[in-house]
Amino acid sequence: MTDDPETPASRAPATGGDLPHVADDVARRLEAILLIVEEPQSLVSLAAAVGAPVPAVRQAIEALVDDYDGRAGGPVRGFELREVGGGWRLYVREEFDDLVSEFVGGQAPSRLSQAALETLAVIAYKQPVTRSQVASIRAVNVDSVVRTLLARGLITELFTDAETGAINYGTTEALLGHLGINSLDELPHISPLLDGADEVTGDVFDGRTPR
């Protein structure tokens, strides 16, 4: 007599040998999220994104780190999963920074768009500044523009806020070279260049050059 496929035993939750498959599924979902995030993500936010318990996400993160670092039997990947400011994000390995910068720079157009120039100006005058702060000032999404400026080497990640995980950006020496100045103190005062400059408050630009 064959077992009834609808018996309670057949409906019991998977255990034992099925657990690796569950862990693999969590890891694959985590990879999908980590590929597109712009800021380091906490274990709690990742758990919410993939619909898995925090302990399972922690275990999957550890497995991915071992995999990317070659400790799981495979080769060391060209990228790594790094914990920064209490969150996790994928990064290019340091030894390939120059390679990636050269490739991306070669693909980029010779001129910056108007949106990129405006975003660069905000960062230059307000640094250190987060992407959300720049977006608030410009009243538009600046994610792709910030990626372009990073790829061109005109801005850089200065530090990550320990509480929010937000990355703060600033300009680079390369920008000074392009502008033909030695320091940010040589940037022009912004107020005379704005309409209604007398009404501009320090919440946006205060008319002074950056600190």
N, C-alpha and C. Protein backbone atom coordinates (compact mmCIF):
# COMPACT_ATOMS: atom_id res chain seq x y z
N MET A 1 0.86 -1.19 0.00
CA MET A 1 0.00 0.00 0.00
C MET A 1 0.89 1.24 0.00
N THR A 2 0.65 2.15 -0.98
CA THR A 2 1.49 3.34 -1.11
C THR A 2 1.09 4.39 -0.10
N ASP A 3 2.05 5.23 0.26
CA ASP A 3 1.78 6.31 1.21
C ASP A 3 0.87 7.35 0.58
N ASP A 4 -0.05 7.86 1.38
CA ASP A 4 -0.95 8.92 0.94
C ASP A 4 -0.15 10.22 0.86
N PRO A 5 -0.07 10.90 -0.32
CA PRO A 5 0.73 12.12 -0.43
C PRO A 5 0.21 13.24 0.44
N GLU A 6 -1.01 13.10 0.96
CA GLU A 6 -1.59 14.16 1.78
C GLU A 6 -1.56 13.84 3.26
N THR A 7 -0.78 12.81 3.66
CA THR A 7 -0.71 12.49 5.07
C THR A 7 0.02 13.58 5.81
N PRO A 8 -0.22 13.70 7.15
CA PRO A 8 0.47 14.73 7.92
C PRO A 8 1.98 14.65 7.79
N ALA A 9 2.52 13.39 7.72
CA ALA A 9 3.96 13.26 7.61
C ALA A 9 4.49 13.91 6.34
N SER A 10 3.69 13.78 5.24
CA SER A 10 4.17 14.33 3.98
C SER A 10 4.08 15.85 3.96
N ARG A 11 3.26 16.44 4.88
CA ARG A 11 3.13 17.87 4.93
C ARG A 11 4.04 18.48 5.99
N ALA A 12 4.87 17.69 6.63
CA ALA A 12 5.75 18.21 7.68
C ALA A 12 6.78 19.15 7.08
N PRO A 13 7.23 20.16 7.82
CA PRO A 13 8.23 21.10 7.30
C PRO A 13 9.54 20.41 6.99
N ALA A 14 10.22 20.96 6.01
CA ALA A 14 11.51 20.39 5.59
C ALA A 14 12.53 20.55 6.69
N THR A 15 13.32 19.53 6.88
CA THR A 15 14.38 19.57 7.90
C THR A 15 15.61 18.91 7.36
N GLY A 16 16.67 18.92 8.15
CA GLY A 16 17.88 18.17 7.81
C GLY A 16 18.46 18.57 6.48
N GLY A 17 18.45 17.65 5.53
CA GLY A 17 19.11 17.86 4.26
C GLY A 17 18.53 18.98 3.43
N ASP A 18 17.27 19.41 3.75
CA ASP A 18 16.68 20.49 2.97
C ASP A 18 17.18 21.86 3.41
N LEU A 19 17.80 21.95 4.57
CA LEU A 19 18.22 23.26 5.08
C LEU A 19 19.24 23.94 4.20
N PRO A 20 20.24 23.26 3.64
CA PRO A 20 21.18 23.94 2.74
C PRO A 20 20.49 24.63 1.58
N HIS A 21 19.41 24.01 1.05
CA HIS A 21 18.69 24.61 -0.05
C HIS A 21 18.03 25.91 0.39
N VAL A 22 17.50 25.95 1.61
CA VAL A 22 16.91 27.17 2.14
C VAL A 22 17.97 28.26 2.28
N ALA A 23 19.14 27.88 2.83
CA ALA A 23 20.23 28.84 2.99
C ALA A 23 20.71 29.37 1.64
N ASP A 24 20.80 28.49 0.64
CA ASP A 24 21.21 28.92 -0.70
C ASP A 24 20.22 29.92 -1.27
N ASP A 25 18.94 29.69 -1.03
CA ASP A 25 17.92 30.60 -1.55
C ASP A 25 18.05 31.98 -0.92
N VAL A 26 18.28 32.03 0.39
CA VAL A 26 18.48 33.30 1.08
C VAL A 26 19.70 34.00 0.52
N ALA A 27 20.79 33.27 0.30
CA ALA A 27 22.02 33.86 -0.24
C ALA A 27 21.80 34.43 -1.63
N ARG A 28 21.05 33.72 -2.47
CA ARG A 28 20.79 34.22 -3.83
C ARG A 28 19.97 35.50 -3.79
N ARG A 29 18.97 35.55 -2.90
CA ARG A 29 18.15 36.75 -2.79
C ARG A 29 18.98 37.92 -2.25
N LEU A 30 19.87 37.62 -1.32
CA LEU A 30 20.75 38.67 -0.80
C LEU A 30 21.65 39.24 -1.90
N GLU A 31 22.20 38.36 -2.72
CA GLU A 31 23.05 38.82 -3.82
C GLU A 31 22.29 39.76 -4.74
N ALA A 32 21.03 39.44 -5.03
CA ALA A 32 20.23 40.29 -5.92
C ALA A 32 20.05 41.69 -5.33
N ILE A 33 19.83 41.76 -4.02
CA ILE A 33 19.66 43.05 -3.37
C ILE A 33 20.99 43.79 -3.29
N LEU A 34 22.04 43.09 -2.91
CA LEU A 34 23.35 43.73 -2.73
C LEU A 34 23.92 44.27 -4.04
N LEU A 35 23.50 43.71 -5.15
CA LEU A 35 24.00 44.18 -6.44
C LEU A 35 23.48 45.58 -6.79
N ILE A 36 22.37 45.99 -6.21
CA ILE A 36 21.75 47.25 -6.64
C ILE A 36 21.73 48.32 -5.55
N VAL A 37 22.10 47.98 -4.31
CA VAL A 37 22.03 48.99 -3.25
C VAL A 37 23.17 49.99 -3.40
N GLU A 38 22.91 51.24 -3.01
CA GLU A 38 23.90 52.30 -3.09
C GLU A 38 24.57 52.56 -1.75
N GLU A 39 23.92 52.16 -0.65
CA GLU A 39 24.45 52.38 0.68
C GLU A 39 24.60 51.04 1.40
N PRO A 40 25.53 50.94 2.36
CA PRO A 40 25.62 49.72 3.16
C PRO A 40 24.30 49.43 3.86
N GLN A 41 23.89 48.18 3.86
CA GLN A 41 22.60 47.78 4.42
C GLN A 41 22.82 46.95 5.69
N SER A 42 22.05 47.28 6.74
CA SER A 42 22.13 46.52 7.98
C SER A 42 21.53 45.14 7.80
N LEU A 43 21.85 44.23 8.73
CA LEU A 43 21.27 42.90 8.68
C LEU A 43 19.75 42.95 8.78
N VAL A 44 19.25 43.88 9.59
CA VAL A 44 17.80 44.00 9.76
C VAL A 44 17.13 44.42 8.45
N SER A 45 17.71 45.42 7.77
CA SER A 45 17.11 45.87 6.51
C SER A 45 17.23 44.79 5.43
N LEU A 46 18.33 44.07 5.42
CA LEU A 46 18.48 42.98 4.45
C LEU A 46 17.49 41.86 4.73
N ALA A 47 17.29 41.56 6.02
CA ALA A 47 16.33 40.52 6.39
C ALA A 47 14.93 40.90 5.92
N ALA A 48 14.57 42.18 6.09
CA ALA A 48 13.25 42.64 5.65
C ALA A 48 13.13 42.57 4.14
N ALA A 49 14.23 42.88 3.43
CA ALA A 49 14.19 42.90 1.97
C ALA A 49 14.02 41.51 1.38
N VAL A 50 14.66 40.50 1.99
CA VAL A 50 14.60 39.16 1.42
C VAL A 50 13.58 38.27 2.12
N GLY A 51 12.93 38.79 3.17
CA GLY A 51 11.91 38.01 3.86
C GLY A 51 12.45 36.81 4.60
N ALA A 52 13.55 37.01 5.31
CA ALA A 52 14.17 35.91 6.05
C ALA A 52 14.56 36.39 7.44
N PRO A 53 14.66 35.48 8.42
CA PRO A 53 15.07 35.88 9.77
C PRO A 53 16.50 36.43 9.77
N VAL A 54 16.78 37.32 10.71
CA VAL A 54 18.10 37.92 10.81
C VAL A 54 19.20 36.87 10.97
N PRO A 55 19.02 35.83 11.84
CA PRO A 55 20.07 34.82 11.95
C PRO A 55 20.38 34.13 10.63
N ALA A 56 19.34 33.86 9.84
CA ALA A 56 19.56 33.22 8.54
C ALA A 56 20.31 34.14 7.60
N VAL A 57 19.99 35.44 7.66
CA VAL A 57 20.68 36.41 6.82
C VAL A 57 22.14 36.54 7.24
N ARG A 58 22.38 36.55 8.56
CA ARG A 58 23.75 36.63 9.05
C ARG A 58 24.57 35.42 8.56
N GLN A 59 23.97 34.25 8.64
CA GLN A 59 24.65 33.03 8.19
C GLN A 59 24.93 33.09 6.69
N ALA A 60 23.95 33.57 5.92
CA ALA A 60 24.13 33.66 4.47
C ALA A 60 25.20 34.69 4.11
N ILE A 61 25.25 35.81 4.84
CA ILE A 61 26.27 36.83 4.61
C ILE A 61 27.66 36.23 4.84
N GLU A 62 27.81 35.50 5.93
CA GLU A 62 29.10 34.88 6.25
C GLU A 62 29.50 33.89 5.15
N ALA A 63 28.52 33.15 4.64
CA ALA A 63 28.81 32.20 3.57
C ALA A 63 29.23 32.91 2.28
N LEU A 64 28.57 34.03 1.98
CA LEU A 64 28.93 34.79 0.78
C LEU A 64 30.32 35.39 0.91
N VAL A 65 30.64 35.91 2.08
CA VAL A 65 31.99 36.47 2.31
C VAL A 65 33.04 35.40 2.08
N ASP A 66 32.83 34.20 2.64
CA ASP A 66 33.77 33.10 2.46
C ASP A 66 33.89 32.71 0.99
N ASP A 67 32.75 32.72 0.29
CA ASP A 67 32.73 32.36 -1.12
C ASP A 67 33.54 33.37 -1.93
N TYR A 68 33.25 34.67 -1.75
CA TYR A 68 33.93 35.71 -2.52
C TYR A 68 35.43 35.77 -2.20
N ASP A 69 35.78 35.46 -0.95
CA ASP A 69 37.19 35.52 -0.54
C ASP A 69 37.95 34.23 -0.84
N GLY A 70 37.29 33.25 -1.45
CA GLY A 70 37.96 32.03 -1.85
C GLY A 70 38.12 31.00 -0.76
N ARG A 71 37.44 31.20 0.36
CA ARG A 71 37.58 30.25 1.47
C ARG A 71 36.60 29.08 1.37
N ALA A 72 35.74 29.10 0.35
CA ALA A 72 34.78 28.03 0.18
C ALA A 72 35.22 27.03 -0.89
N GLY A 73 36.46 27.14 -1.31
CA GLY A 73 36.97 26.19 -2.29
C GLY A 73 37.08 26.74 -3.69
N GLY A 74 36.45 27.88 -3.93
CA GLY A 74 36.51 28.48 -5.25
C GLY A 74 37.55 29.58 -5.32
N PRO A 75 37.65 30.27 -6.47
CA PRO A 75 38.64 31.33 -6.62
C PRO A 75 38.22 32.60 -5.88
N VAL A 76 39.17 33.44 -5.57
CA VAL A 76 38.89 34.75 -5.00
C VAL A 76 38.24 35.61 -6.08
N ARG A 77 37.11 36.25 -5.75
CA ARG A 77 36.40 37.05 -6.73
C ARG A 77 37.04 38.43 -6.87
N GLY A 78 36.70 39.13 -7.93
CA GLY A 78 37.19 40.49 -8.15
C GLY A 78 36.46 41.52 -7.31
N PHE A 79 35.47 41.10 -6.58
CA PHE A 79 34.73 41.99 -5.69
C PHE A 79 34.65 41.33 -4.32
N GLU A 80 34.27 42.09 -3.33
CA GLU A 80 34.16 41.57 -1.97
C GLU A 80 32.92 42.13 -1.29
N LEU A 81 32.44 41.40 -0.30
CA LEU A 81 31.31 41.83 0.51
C LEU A 81 31.89 42.35 1.81
N ARG A 82 31.75 43.66 2.04
CA ARG A 82 32.43 44.30 3.15
C ARG A 82 31.42 44.97 4.08
N GLU A 83 31.70 44.89 5.39
CA GLU A 83 30.88 45.57 6.39
C GLU A 83 31.46 46.96 6.63
N VAL A 84 30.64 47.97 6.39
CA VAL A 84 31.06 49.36 6.55
C VAL A 84 29.99 50.12 7.32
N GLY A 85 30.37 50.75 8.43
CA GLY A 85 29.41 51.55 9.18
C GLY A 85 28.22 50.76 9.67
N GLY A 86 28.41 49.52 10.03
CA GLY A 86 27.30 48.71 10.53
C GLY A 86 26.41 48.12 9.46
N GLY A 87 26.82 48.25 8.20
CA GLY A 87 26.02 47.69 7.10
C GLY A 87 26.90 46.96 6.11
N TRP A 88 26.27 46.26 5.17
CA TRP A 88 26.98 45.43 4.20
C TRP A 88 26.74 45.94 2.79
N ARG A 89 27.82 45.89 1.98
CA ARG A 89 27.73 46.36 0.60
C ARG A 89 28.84 45.69 -0.21
N LEU A 90 28.59 45.49 -1.51
CA LEU A 90 29.59 44.94 -2.41
C LEU A 90 30.55 46.04 -2.86
N TYR A 91 31.85 45.71 -2.87
CA TYR A 91 32.88 46.65 -3.32
C TYR A 91 33.83 45.94 -4.27
N VAL A 92 34.40 46.69 -5.21
CA VAL A 92 35.50 46.17 -6.02
C VAL A 92 36.71 45.99 -5.11
N ARG A 93 37.45 44.90 -5.29
CA ARG A 93 38.64 44.70 -4.48
C ARG A 93 39.66 45.80 -4.79
N GLU A 94 40.36 46.20 -3.74
CA GLU A 94 41.25 47.36 -3.83
C GLU A 94 42.25 47.24 -4.95
N GLU A 95 42.75 46.03 -5.19
CA GLU A 95 43.79 45.87 -6.21
C GLU A 95 43.27 46.11 -7.63
N PHE A 96 41.92 46.17 -7.78
CA PHE A 96 41.35 46.41 -9.11
C PHE A 96 40.76 47.80 -9.25
N ASP A 97 40.96 48.67 -8.26
CA ASP A 97 40.41 50.03 -8.32
C ASP A 97 40.89 50.77 -9.57
N ASP A 98 42.20 50.73 -9.82
CA ASP A 98 42.75 51.45 -10.97
C ASP A 98 42.22 50.88 -12.28
N LEU A 99 42.11 49.57 -12.34
CA LEU A 99 41.60 48.92 -13.55
C LEU A 99 40.17 49.37 -13.86
N VAL A 100 39.32 49.35 -12.83
CA VAL A 100 37.92 49.73 -13.02
C VAL A 100 37.80 51.21 -13.35
N SER A 101 38.57 52.06 -12.65
CA SER A 101 38.53 53.50 -12.90
C SER A 101 38.94 53.82 -14.33
N GLU A 102 39.97 53.13 -14.82
CA GLU A 102 40.44 53.36 -16.18
C GLU A 102 39.39 52.92 -17.20
N PHE A 103 38.77 51.77 -16.93
CA PHE A 103 37.74 51.28 -17.86
C PHE A 103 36.54 52.21 -17.90
N VAL A 104 36.02 52.56 -16.73
CA VAL A 104 34.83 53.41 -16.66
C VAL A 104 35.14 54.78 -17.24
N GLY A 105 36.34 55.31 -16.93
CA GLY A 105 36.71 56.61 -17.47
C GLY A 105 36.78 56.60 -18.98
N GLY A 106 37.23 55.48 -19.55
CA GLY A 106 37.31 55.37 -21.00
C GLY A 106 35.95 55.27 -21.66
N GLN A 107 34.96 54.79 -20.89
CA GLN A 107 33.62 54.67 -21.43
C GLN A 107 32.82 55.97 -21.29
N ALA A 108 33.26 56.84 -20.40
CA ALA A 108 32.49 58.04 -20.09
C ALA A 108 32.65 59.09 -21.19
N PRO A 109 31.63 59.90 -21.43
CA PRO A 109 31.75 60.99 -22.40
C PRO A 109 32.73 62.04 -21.91
N SER A 110 33.28 62.82 -22.84
CA SER A 110 34.30 63.80 -22.47
C SER A 110 33.70 64.95 -21.68
N ARG A 111 32.43 65.26 -21.88
CA ARG A 111 31.80 66.38 -21.20
C ARG A 111 30.78 65.89 -20.18
N LEU A 112 30.68 66.62 -19.10
CA LEU A 112 29.66 66.32 -18.10
C LEU A 112 28.34 66.96 -18.51
N SER A 113 27.25 66.28 -18.15
CA SER A 113 25.93 66.83 -18.41
C SER A 113 25.65 68.00 -17.49
N GLN A 114 24.62 68.76 -17.79
CA GLN A 114 24.23 69.87 -16.93
C GLN A 114 23.87 69.37 -15.54
N ALA A 115 23.18 68.23 -15.48
CA ALA A 115 22.80 67.65 -14.18
C ALA A 115 24.04 67.29 -13.37
N ALA A 116 25.06 66.73 -14.05
CA ALA A 116 26.28 66.35 -13.35
C ALA A 116 27.02 67.58 -12.85
N LEU A 117 27.06 68.65 -13.65
CA LEU A 117 27.72 69.88 -13.24
C LEU A 117 27.02 70.50 -12.03
N GLU A 118 25.70 70.49 -12.04
CA GLU A 118 24.95 71.05 -10.91
C GLU A 118 25.18 70.25 -9.64
N THR A 119 25.16 68.92 -9.78
CA THR A 119 25.41 68.06 -8.63
C THR A 119 26.82 68.25 -8.10
N LEU A 120 27.79 68.35 -9.01
CA LEU A 120 29.19 68.56 -8.61
C LEU A 120 29.35 69.88 -7.86
N ALA A 121 28.63 70.90 -8.30
CA ALA A 121 28.71 72.20 -7.62
C ALA A 121 28.17 72.10 -6.20
N VAL A 122 27.05 71.39 -6.03
CA VAL A 122 26.47 71.23 -4.70
C VAL A 122 27.45 70.52 -3.78
N ILE A 123 28.05 69.45 -4.28
CA ILE A 123 28.99 68.69 -3.46
C ILE A 123 30.21 69.54 -3.11
N ALA A 124 30.70 70.30 -4.08
CA ALA A 124 31.88 71.12 -3.85
C ALA A 124 31.65 72.15 -2.75
N TYR A 125 30.46 72.75 -2.73
CA TYR A 125 30.19 73.81 -1.76
C TYR A 125 29.64 73.31 -0.43
N LYS A 126 29.06 72.12 -0.41
CA LYS A 126 28.42 71.64 0.81
C LYS A 126 29.15 70.47 1.47
N GLN A 127 30.22 69.99 0.90
CA GLN A 127 30.91 68.80 1.42
C GLN A 127 31.38 69.01 2.86
N PRO A 128 31.38 67.90 3.63
CA PRO A 128 30.88 66.56 3.28
C PRO A 128 29.36 66.55 3.24
N VAL A 129 28.82 65.86 2.25
CA VAL A 129 27.37 65.88 2.04
C VAL A 129 26.92 64.51 1.54
N THR A 130 25.73 64.09 1.96
CA THR A 130 25.21 62.79 1.55
C THR A 130 24.42 62.94 0.24
N ARG A 131 24.17 61.82 -0.39
CA ARG A 131 23.41 61.84 -1.63
C ARG A 131 21.99 62.36 -1.41
N SER A 132 21.38 61.99 -0.30
CA SER A 132 20.02 62.46 -0.03
C SER A 132 19.99 63.97 0.19
N GLN A 133 21.04 64.51 0.79
CA GLN A 133 21.10 65.97 0.98
C GLN A 133 21.26 66.68 -0.35
N VAL A 134 22.08 66.11 -1.23
CA VAL A 134 22.22 66.69 -2.57
C VAL A 134 20.89 66.64 -3.31
N ALA A 135 20.21 65.50 -3.21
CA ALA A 135 18.92 65.34 -3.88
C ALA A 135 17.90 66.34 -3.34
N SER A 136 17.96 66.62 -2.05
CA SER A 136 17.03 67.58 -1.45
C SER A 136 17.29 68.99 -1.98
N ILE A 137 18.55 69.35 -2.14
CA ILE A 137 18.89 70.67 -2.65
C ILE A 137 18.49 70.81 -4.12
N ARG A 138 18.75 69.77 -4.91
CA ARG A 138 18.44 69.83 -6.34
C ARG A 138 17.01 69.44 -6.67
N ALA A 139 16.32 68.83 -5.69
CA ALA A 139 14.92 68.43 -5.86
C ALA A 139 14.75 67.38 -6.96
N VAL A 140 15.79 66.57 -7.19
CA VAL A 140 15.70 65.46 -8.14
C VAL A 140 16.55 64.31 -7.62
N ASN A 141 16.32 63.13 -8.15
CA ASN A 141 17.14 61.98 -7.80
C ASN A 141 18.52 62.13 -8.43
N VAL A 142 19.57 61.91 -7.65
CA VAL A 142 20.93 62.13 -8.15
C VAL A 142 21.77 60.86 -8.14
N ASP A 143 21.16 59.70 -7.97
CA ASP A 143 21.92 58.45 -7.85
C ASP A 143 22.84 58.22 -9.04
N SER A 144 22.29 58.29 -10.25
CA SER A 144 23.11 57.99 -11.44
C SER A 144 24.18 59.04 -11.65
N VAL A 145 23.84 60.30 -11.34
CA VAL A 145 24.82 61.38 -11.52
C VAL A 145 25.99 61.20 -10.56
N VAL A 146 25.70 60.82 -9.30
CA VAL A 146 26.76 60.60 -8.33
C VAL A 146 27.66 59.45 -8.80
N ARG A 147 27.07 58.40 -9.34
CA ARG A 147 27.89 57.29 -9.86
C ARG A 147 28.81 57.77 -10.98
N THR A 148 28.30 58.64 -11.84
CA THR A 148 29.11 59.19 -12.93
C THR A 148 30.28 60.00 -12.39
N LEU A 149 30.01 60.85 -11.40
CA LEU A 149 31.07 61.68 -10.83
C LEU A 149 32.12 60.84 -10.11
N LEU A 150 31.66 59.76 -9.45
CA LEU A 150 32.61 58.84 -8.81
C LEU A 150 33.49 58.16 -9.86
N ALA A 151 32.87 57.71 -10.94
CA ALA A 151 33.60 57.01 -11.99
C ALA A 151 34.61 57.94 -12.66
N ARG A 152 34.30 59.22 -12.75
CA ARG A 152 35.21 60.18 -13.37
C ARG A 152 36.30 60.65 -12.42
N GLY A 153 36.21 60.21 -11.15
CA GLY A 153 37.23 60.59 -10.18
C GLY A 153 37.12 62.02 -9.70
N LEU A 154 35.96 62.64 -9.87
CA LEU A 154 35.78 64.03 -9.47
C LEU A 154 35.30 64.16 -8.03
N ILE A 155 34.63 63.12 -7.52
CA ILE A 155 34.23 63.07 -6.13
C ILE A 155 34.65 61.74 -5.54
N THR A 156 34.62 61.65 -4.22
CA THR A 156 35.01 60.42 -3.56
C THR A 156 34.18 60.21 -2.31
N GLU A 157 34.14 58.98 -1.81
CA GLU A 157 33.45 58.68 -0.57
C GLU A 157 34.37 59.06 0.59
N LEU A 158 33.96 60.02 1.39
CA LEU A 158 34.79 60.49 2.49
C LEU A 158 34.66 59.60 3.72
N PHE A 159 33.43 59.32 4.13
CA PHE A 159 33.19 58.48 5.30
C PHE A 159 31.73 58.06 5.30
N THR A 160 31.42 57.07 6.13
CA THR A 160 30.05 56.58 6.27
C THR A 160 29.54 56.94 7.65
N ASP A 161 28.36 57.53 7.71
CA ASP A 161 27.78 57.90 8.99
C ASP A 161 27.49 56.64 9.80
N ALA A 162 28.01 56.61 11.03
CA ALA A 162 27.90 55.40 11.85
C ALA A 162 26.46 55.10 12.23
N GLU A 163 25.60 56.12 12.32
CA GLU A 163 24.22 55.91 12.76
C GLU A 163 23.29 55.59 11.60
N THR A 164 23.41 56.32 10.50
CA THR A 164 22.48 56.15 9.39
C THR A 164 23.02 55.26 8.27
N GLY A 165 24.34 55.06 8.22
CA GLY A 165 24.92 54.29 7.13
C GLY A 165 25.04 55.08 5.84
N ALA A 166 24.68 56.37 5.87
CA ALA A 166 24.74 57.19 4.66
C ALA A 166 26.19 57.56 4.36
N ILE A 167 26.55 57.47 3.09
CA ILE A 167 27.90 57.83 2.66
C ILE A 167 27.97 59.34 2.44
N ASN A 168 29.02 59.95 2.97
CA ASN A 168 29.27 61.37 2.76
C ASN A 168 30.32 61.54 1.66
N TYR A 169 30.02 62.47 0.74
CA TYR A 169 30.89 62.66 -0.43
C TYR A 169 31.62 64.00 -0.37
N GLY A 170 32.75 64.04 -1.03
CA GLY A 170 33.50 65.27 -1.19
C GLY A 170 34.23 65.25 -2.51
N THR A 171 34.84 66.36 -2.87
CA THR A 171 35.55 66.45 -4.15
C THR A 171 36.97 65.93 -4.00
N THR A 172 37.63 65.73 -5.12
CA THR A 172 38.97 65.14 -5.15
C THR A 172 40.00 66.15 -5.67
N GLU A 173 41.27 65.76 -5.55
CA GLU A 173 42.35 66.58 -6.10
C GLU A 173 42.21 66.69 -7.62
N ALA A 174 41.64 65.66 -8.24
CA ALA A 174 41.46 65.69 -9.69
C ALA A 174 40.58 66.85 -10.11
N LEU A 175 39.53 67.12 -9.31
CA LEU A 175 38.65 68.25 -9.63
C LEU A 175 39.42 69.57 -9.56
N LEU A 176 40.25 69.71 -8.53
CA LEU A 176 41.04 70.94 -8.40
C LEU A 176 41.92 71.13 -9.63
N GLY A 177 42.49 70.03 -10.11
CA GLY A 177 43.32 70.11 -11.31
C GLY A 177 42.54 70.56 -12.52
N HIS A 178 41.32 70.01 -12.68
CA HIS A 178 40.47 70.39 -13.81
C HIS A 178 40.09 71.87 -13.73
N LEU A 179 39.88 72.37 -12.51
CA LEU A 179 39.47 73.76 -12.33
C LEU A 179 40.66 74.72 -12.34
N GLY A 180 41.86 74.16 -12.23
CA GLY A 180 43.04 75.00 -12.22
C GLY A 180 43.23 75.78 -10.93
N ILE A 181 42.81 75.19 -9.80
CA ILE A 181 42.97 75.85 -8.50
C ILE A 181 43.72 74.92 -7.57
N ASN A 182 44.24 75.49 -6.49
CA ASN A 182 45.03 74.72 -5.55
C ASN A 182 44.24 74.19 -4.37
N SER A 183 43.13 74.86 -4.03
CA SER A 183 42.32 74.44 -2.89
C SER A 183 40.89 74.91 -3.10
N LEU A 184 39.99 74.35 -2.31
CA LEU A 184 38.58 74.72 -2.38
C LEU A 184 38.35 76.16 -1.94
N ASP A 185 39.29 76.73 -1.20
CA ASP A 185 39.16 78.12 -0.78
C ASP A 185 39.17 79.08 -1.96
N GLU A 186 39.65 78.62 -3.10
CA GLU A 186 39.71 79.47 -4.28
C GLU A 186 38.42 79.43 -5.10
N LEU A 187 37.46 78.61 -4.69
CA LEU A 187 36.17 78.61 -5.37
C LEU A 187 35.51 79.97 -5.17
N PRO A 188 34.77 80.46 -6.17
CA PRO A 188 34.14 81.78 -6.03
C PRO A 188 33.01 81.74 -5.00
N HIS A 189 32.74 82.88 -4.37
CA HIS A 189 31.59 82.99 -3.50
C HIS A 189 30.34 82.76 -4.34
N ILE A 190 29.40 81.99 -3.79
CA ILE A 190 28.25 81.56 -4.58
C ILE A 190 27.13 82.60 -4.62
N SER A 191 26.97 83.39 -3.55
CA SER A 191 25.83 84.30 -3.46
C SER A 191 25.73 85.28 -4.62
N PRO A 192 26.83 85.94 -5.03
CA PRO A 192 26.70 86.89 -6.14
C PRO A 192 26.27 86.24 -7.44
N LEU A 193 26.37 84.93 -7.54
CA LEU A 193 26.02 84.24 -8.78
C LEU A 193 24.57 83.79 -8.81
N LEU A 194 23.83 83.98 -7.70
CA LEU A 194 22.46 83.51 -7.61
C LEU A 194 21.49 84.66 -7.67
N ASP A 195 20.34 84.42 -8.31
CA ASP A 195 19.26 85.40 -8.30
C ASP A 195 18.70 85.50 -6.89
N GLY A 196 18.44 86.71 -6.43
CA GLY A 196 17.91 86.88 -5.09
C GLY A 196 18.87 86.40 -4.05
N ALA A 197 20.16 86.71 -4.24
CA ALA A 197 21.19 86.18 -3.35
C ALA A 197 20.97 86.62 -1.91
N ASP A 198 20.36 87.80 -1.72
CA ASP A 198 20.17 88.29 -0.36
C ASP A 198 19.15 87.46 0.40
N GLU A 199 18.39 86.60 -0.31
CA GLU A 199 17.38 85.78 0.34
C GLU A 199 17.86 84.35 0.55
N VAL A 200 19.05 84.05 0.04
CA VAL A 200 19.58 82.70 0.17
C VAL A 200 20.09 82.50 1.58
N THR A 201 19.65 81.42 2.25
CA THR A 201 20.03 81.19 3.63
C THR A 201 21.14 80.18 3.72
N GLY A 202 21.70 80.03 4.91
CA GLY A 202 22.77 79.07 5.13
C GLY A 202 22.31 77.65 5.01
N ASP A 203 21.00 77.40 4.97
CA ASP A 203 20.51 76.03 4.84
C ASP A 203 20.82 75.47 3.46
N VAL A 204 21.05 76.35 2.49
CA VAL A 204 21.40 75.87 1.15
C VAL A 204 22.84 76.25 0.87
N PHE A 205 23.11 77.53 0.54
CA PHE A 205 24.47 78.02 0.39
C PHE A 205 24.58 79.31 1.19
N ASP A 206 25.67 79.50 1.88
CA ASP A 206 25.81 80.68 2.72
C ASP A 206 26.71 81.75 2.10
N GLY A 207 27.07 81.54 0.83
CA GLY A 207 27.86 82.55 0.15
C GLY A 207 29.34 82.44 0.41
N ARG A 208 29.75 81.55 1.26
CA ARG A 208 31.16 81.39 1.57
C ARG A 208 31.72 80.18 0.85
N THR A 209 33.02 80.16 0.71
CA THR A 209 33.65 78.98 0.14
C THR A 209 33.64 77.88 1.16
N PRO A 210 33.79 76.61 0.76
CA PRO A 210 33.69 75.48 1.69
C PRO A 210 34.79 75.54 2.74
N ARG A 211 34.54 74.92 3.86
CA ARG A 211 35.57 74.79 4.87
C ARG A 211 36.61 73.77 4.40
